Structures are given as C-alpha cells and as structure tokens.
Amino acid sequence: MSIRKREGNRPDRRFADEEFLKVEDRKALCARLRYVGSANHKLRPGDYGFHPSHNPRPSKSPCDALRAVLLAEASSLMQQGIMLGMVSQFGDGSVPKYIWAVDEANEVYEAKTRPELETDYHGYRLGDDERDMRAYILKEWKRRCR
C-alpha cells in the first residue's frame, strides 16, 4: 500500500498569527501538552515503549524515516514549536490541533493531537508528498527564529 496523498488547501492546517498567543500562554501550553508519539508513525521504536514495540502503518508518514527521533527530542521540538507560536488556530479552552517544528537538519515535523486525549500529541515528518506545506512551515520557522 502506498502513502496516500494528503488533502491540499486545508484551513485548519495553517498556523495562527504570531500575535495569537502571549508568551505566558505559550508557556502554559508547554506545561499542559505532551508528546507521546504513535506506533503508527514509527519504524524504529526507540525509547517510546510501544507494545508491540512498533507497528507502522504503510499509509502513515513515519517520523523516523531518515533517523531515529527519541522521545526527548520529539518533545523538545514540540515545545520549540509552541514557544515560537507555530500552532494552528484554536478556541478558548481548547488546544491546537497541529504544532509544527523544524529540526537542525531543516526537516519539518507536524505534531497532531490525539482524538482520545487532546493534550497528547503524536507526530511525523512532512515528506516529499508535502512539499508545499514543508516550504510554508520552513519559511515561517526561519522568520520567527530570527
């Protein structure tokens, strides 16, 4: 089974304006949200503790296709994304559906909330089937990191 192409223009997959969250709100989100990962996006189980150790779905984008991404790094990337405000728009009392981050090799990652527990996130690297989205996130990441 090949990886299915994602939908194109999805308004919920756009980051909020930089002014959307104050620094104290970003810190509160960092304290409230956590990265837990998903066996559906893992080729290498690393230190995630999945049982069975890993079970990637062929239709899902693995976060560790290029290299192992351990839990501490994935959590740190998500926190960096939150602190830069690289989150999708969300309403009062809720959480962003998406959080984006870029690693030192300029690989773009997307974390998504889990439906069964909205404060837990899993993530994946945006691959070649997501060139436009990758460019969109990378450009904004670089602008906000100045």
C-alpha atoms as a PDB file:
ATOM      1  CA  MET A   1       0.000   0.000   0.000  1.00  0.00           C
ATOM      2  CA  SER A   2       1.398   3.391  -0.919  1.00  0.00           C
ATOM      3  CA  ILE A   3       1.207   6.512   1.198  1.00  0.00           C
ATOM      4  CA  ARG A   4      -1.914   8.395   0.237  1.00  0.00           C
ATOM      5  CA  LYS A   5      -1.607  11.998  -0.797  1.00  0.00           C
ATOM      6  CA  ARG A   6      -2.910  14.448   1.774  1.00  0.00           C
ATOM      7  CA  GLU A   7      -5.559  16.993   1.078  1.00  0.00           C
ATOM      8  CA  GLY A   8      -4.369  20.275  -0.378  1.00  0.00           C
ATOM      9  CA  ASN A   9      -5.847  23.510   0.928  1.00  0.00           C
ATOM     10  CA  ARG A  10      -6.996  22.773   4.474  1.00  0.00           C
ATOM     11  CA  PRO A  11      -7.602  25.915   6.536  1.00  0.00           C
ATOM     12  CA  ASP A  12      -7.153  24.031   9.835  1.00  0.00           C
ATOM     13  CA  ARG A  13      -3.592  23.204   8.749  1.00  0.00           C
ATOM     14  CA  ARG A  14      -2.374  26.790   8.869  1.00  0.00           C
ATOM     15  CA  PHE A  15      -0.551  28.362  11.772  1.00  0.00           C
ATOM     16  CA  ALA A  16      -2.103  31.105  13.807  1.00  0.00           C
ATOM     17  CA  ASP A  17      -0.820  34.667  13.593  1.00  0.00           C
ATOM     18  CA  GLU A  18       2.334  35.238  15.592  1.00  0.00           C
ATOM     19  CA  GLU A  19       0.428  37.513  17.995  1.00  0.00           C
ATOM     20  CA  PHE A  20      -2.265  34.886  18.641  1.00  0.00           C
ATOM     21  CA  LEU A  21      -0.633  33.706  21.895  1.00  0.00           C
ATOM     22  CA  LYS A  22       1.225  35.732  24.505  1.00  0.00           C
ATOM     23  CA  VAL A  23       4.451  34.274  25.900  1.00  0.00           C
ATOM     24  CA  GLU A  24       2.713  33.279  29.157  1.00  0.00           C
ATOM     25  CA  ASP A  25       0.009  31.449  27.162  1.00  0.00           C
ATOM     26  CA  ARG A  26       2.693  29.589  25.220  1.00  0.00           C
ATOM     27  CA  LYS A  27       4.414  28.553  28.454  1.00  0.00           C
ATOM     28  CA  ALA A  28       1.079  27.350  29.846  1.00  0.00           C
ATOM     29  CA  LEU A  29       0.534  25.238  26.712  1.00  0.00           C
ATOM     30  CA  CYS A  30       4.020  23.746  27.083  1.00  0.00           C
ATOM     31  CA  ALA A  31       3.149  22.705  30.621  1.00  0.00           C
ATOM     32  CA  ARG A  32      -0.247  21.307  29.597  1.00  0.00           C
ATOM     33  CA  LEU A  33       0.532  19.447  26.375  1.00  0.00           C
ATOM     34  CA  ARG A  34       2.778  16.439  25.924  1.00  0.00           C
ATOM     35  CA  TYR A  35       4.302  14.471  23.116  1.00  0.00           C
ATOM     36  CA  VAL A  36       3.612  10.735  23.378  1.00  0.00           C
ATOM     37  CA  GLY A  37       4.194   9.558  19.804  1.00  0.00           C
ATOM     38  CA  SER A  38       2.371   6.821  17.923  1.00  0.00           C
ATOM     39  CA  ALA A  39       3.455   3.362  16.831  1.00  0.00           C
ATOM     40  CA  ASN A  40       1.673   4.107  13.535  1.00  0.00           C
ATOM     41  CA  HIS A  41       4.443   6.587  12.700  1.00  0.00           C
ATOM     42  CA  LYS A  42       7.496   4.633  13.921  1.00  0.00           C
ATOM     43  CA  LEU A  43       9.947   2.495  12.004  1.00  0.00           C
ATOM     44  CA  ARG A  44      12.332   2.462  14.979  1.00  0.00           C
ATOM     45  CA  PRO A  45      10.661   2.130  18.388  1.00  0.00           C
ATOM     46  CA  GLY A  46      13.477   3.992  20.199  1.00  0.00           C
ATOM     47  CA  ASP A  47      12.508   4.827  23.777  1.00  0.00           C
ATOM     48  CA  TYR A  48       8.744   5.224  23.298  1.00  0.00           C
ATOM     49  CA  GLY A  49       7.765   1.946  24.980  1.00  0.00           C
ATOM     50  CA  PHE A  50       5.204   0.905  22.377  1.00  0.00           C
ATOM     51  CA  HIS A  51       3.664  -2.558  22.734  1.00  0.00           C
ATOM     52  CA  PRO A  52       4.148  -4.201  20.360  1.00  0.00           C
ATOM     53  CA  SER A  53       7.441  -2.328  20.100  1.00  0.00           C
ATOM     54  CA  HIS A  54       6.443  -0.752  16.794  1.00  0.00           C
ATOM     55  CA  ASN A  55       3.743  -1.200  14.208  1.00  0.00           C
ATOM     56  CA  PRO A  56       3.953   1.452  11.479  1.00  0.00           C
ATOM     57  CA  ARG A  57       1.056   1.638   9.065  1.00  0.00           C
ATOM     58  CA  PRO A  58       2.114   1.776   5.402  1.00  0.00           C
ATOM     59  CA  SER A  59      -0.341   4.638   4.825  1.00  0.00           C
ATOM     60  CA  LYS A  60       1.209   6.805   7.564  1.00  0.00           C
ATOM     61  CA  SER A  61       4.263   9.069   7.320  1.00  0.00           C
ATOM     62  CA  PRO A  62       6.968   7.777   9.682  1.00  0.00           C
ATOM     63  CA  CYS A  63       8.599  10.439  11.836  1.00  0.00           C
ATOM     64  CA  ASP A  64      11.808   8.433  11.902  1.00  0.00           C
ATOM     65  CA  ALA A  65      12.227   7.533   8.218  1.00  0.00           C
ATOM     66  CA  LEU A  66      15.563   9.375   7.984  1.00  0.00           C
ATOM     67  CA  ARG A  67      16.847   8.764  11.516  1.00  0.00           C
ATOM     68  CA  ALA A  68      15.684   7.727  14.962  1.00  0.00           C
ATOM     69  CA  VAL A  69      13.907  10.541  16.786  1.00  0.00           C
ATOM     70  CA  LEU A  70      13.881   9.810  20.508  1.00  0.00           C
ATOM     71  CA  LEU A  71      11.105  10.946  22.812  1.00  0.00           C
ATOM     72  CA  ALA A  72      13.142  13.744  24.442  1.00  0.00           C
ATOM     73  CA  GLU A  73      13.981  15.275  21.047  1.00  0.00           C
ATOM     74  CA  ALA A  74      10.410  14.968  19.784  1.00  0.00           C
ATOM     75  CA  SER A  75       9.125  16.601  22.985  1.00  0.00           C
ATOM     76  CA  SER A  76      11.700  19.373  22.687  1.00  0.00           C
ATOM     77  CA  LEU A  77      10.769  20.043  19.063  1.00  0.00           C
ATOM     78  CA  MET A  78       7.101  20.286  20.016  1.00  0.00           C
ATOM     79  CA  GLN A  79       7.917  22.708  22.858  1.00  0.00           C
ATOM     80  CA  GLN A  80      10.007  24.845  20.490  1.00  0.00           C
ATOM     81  CA  GLY A  81       7.104  24.938  18.051  1.00  0.00           C
ATOM     82  CA  ILE A  82       4.748  26.074  20.808  1.00  0.00           C
ATOM     83  CA  MET A  83       7.148  28.751  22.063  1.00  0.00           C
ATOM     84  CA  LEU A  84       7.511  30.131  18.527  1.00  0.00           C
ATOM     85  CA  GLY A  85       3.728  30.129  18.171  1.00  0.00           C
ATOM     86  CA  MET A  86       3.859  27.554  15.355  1.00  0.00           C
ATOM     87  CA  VAL A  87       0.423  26.232  16.249  1.00  0.00           C
ATOM     88  CA  SER A  88      -2.886  26.071  14.434  1.00  0.00           C
ATOM     89  CA  GLN A  89      -5.658  28.440  15.475  1.00  0.00           C
ATOM     90  CA  PHE A  90      -7.824  27.171  18.359  1.00  0.00           C
ATOM     91  CA  GLY A  91     -10.639  28.439  20.536  1.00  0.00           C
ATOM     92  CA  ASP A  92     -10.758  29.386  24.193  1.00  0.00           C
ATOM     93  CA  GLY A  93     -10.206  26.444  26.496  1.00  0.00           C
ATOM     94  CA  SER A  94      -9.116  24.116  23.714  1.00  0.00           C
ATOM     95  CA  VAL A  95      -5.761  23.152  22.271  1.00  0.00           C
ATOM     96  CA  PRO A  96      -4.217  23.481  18.808  1.00  0.00           C
ATOM     97  CA  LYS A  97      -4.891  20.552  16.515  1.00  0.00           C
ATOM     98  CA  TYR A  98      -1.426  20.992  14.953  1.00  0.00           C
ATOM     99  CA  ILE A  99       2.007  22.102  16.160  1.00  0.00           C
ATOM    100  CA  TRP A 100       4.949  22.445  13.765  1.00  0.00           C
ATOM    101  CA  ALA A 101       8.696  22.350  14.334  1.00  0.00           C
ATOM    102  CA  VAL A 102      11.925  22.152  12.357  1.00  0.00           C
ATOM    103  CA  ASP A 103      14.991  20.187  13.434  1.00  0.00           C
ATOM    104  CA  GLU A 104      18.663  21.146  12.991  1.00  0.00           C
ATOM    105  CA  ALA A 105      18.735  19.456   9.563  1.00  0.00           C
ATOM    106  CA  ASN A 106      15.773  21.609   8.408  1.00  0.00           C
ATOM    107  CA  GLU A 107      13.384  18.650   8.416  1.00  0.00           C
ATOM    108  CA  VAL A 108       9.813  19.760   9.132  1.00  0.00           C
ATOM    109  CA  TYR A 109       7.673  17.877  11.641  1.00  0.00           C
ATOM    110  CA  GLU A 110       3.981  18.139  12.353  1.00  0.00           C
ATOM    111  CA  ALA A 111       2.504  17.106  15.702  1.00  0.00           C
ATOM    112  CA  LYS A 112      -1.201  16.402  15.854  1.00  0.00           C
ATOM    113  CA  THR A 113      -3.474  15.997  18.840  1.00  0.00           C
ATOM    114  CA  ARG A 114      -4.822  12.547  19.601  1.00  0.00           C
ATOM    115  CA  PRO A 115      -8.623  12.314  19.469  1.00  0.00           C
ATOM    116  CA  GLU A 116      -8.842  10.128  22.573  1.00  0.00           C
ATOM    117  CA  LEU A 117      -6.864  12.621  24.699  1.00  0.00           C
ATOM    118  CA  GLU A 118      -6.494  16.060  23.170  1.00  0.00           C
ATOM    119  CA  THR A 119      -3.498  17.088  25.306  1.00  0.00           C
ATOM    120  CA  ASP A 120      -1.413  14.169  23.944  1.00  0.00           C
ATOM    121  CA  TYR A 121       0.278  14.560  20.563  1.00  0.00           C
ATOM    122  CA  HIS A 122       1.890  12.283  18.021  1.00  0.00           C
ATOM    123  CA  GLY A 123       3.992  13.495  15.133  1.00  0.00           C
ATOM    124  CA  TYR A 124       5.502  12.759  11.780  1.00  0.00           C
ATOM    125  CA  ARG A 125       7.987  14.252   9.346  1.00  0.00           C
ATOM    126  CA  LEU A 126       6.454  16.039   6.385  1.00  0.00           C
ATOM    127  CA  GLY A 127       7.766  14.156   3.358  1.00  0.00           C
ATOM    128  CA  ASP A 128       8.046  14.676  -0.378  1.00  0.00           C
ATOM    129  CA  ASP A 129       4.283  14.408  -0.804  1.00  0.00           C
ATOM    130  CA  GLU A 130       4.014  17.604   1.294  1.00  0.00           C
ATOM    131  CA  ARG A 131       6.492  19.912  -0.476  1.00  0.00           C
ATOM    132  CA  ASP A 132       4.248  22.986  -0.352  1.00  0.00           C
ATOM    133  CA  MET A 133       3.381  22.519   3.317  1.00  0.00           C
ATOM    134  CA  ARG A 134       7.044  21.900   4.194  1.00  0.00           C
ATOM    135  CA  ALA A 135       8.095  25.101   2.407  1.00  0.00           C
ATOM    136  CA  TYR A 136       5.282  27.052   4.111  1.00  0.00           C
ATOM    137  CA  ILE A 137       6.334  25.902   7.600  1.00  0.00           C
ATOM    138  CA  LEU A 138      10.080  26.200   6.987  1.00  0.00           C
ATOM    139  CA  LYS A 139       9.786  29.777   5.720  1.00  0.00           C
ATOM    140  CA  GLU A 140       7.754  30.861   8.740  1.00  0.00           C
ATOM    141  CA  TRP A 141      10.004  28.947  11.184  1.00  0.00           C
ATOM    142  CA  LYS A 142      13.070  30.753   9.857  1.00  0.00           C
ATOM    143  CA  ARG A 143      11.301  34.115  10.047  1.00  0.00           C
ATOM    144  CA  ARG A 144      10.209  33.545  13.652  1.00  0.00           C
ATOM    145  CA  CYS A 145      13.630  32.256  14.737  1.00  0.00           C
ATOM    146  CA  ARG A 146      15.470  35.466  13.838  1.00  0.00           C
END
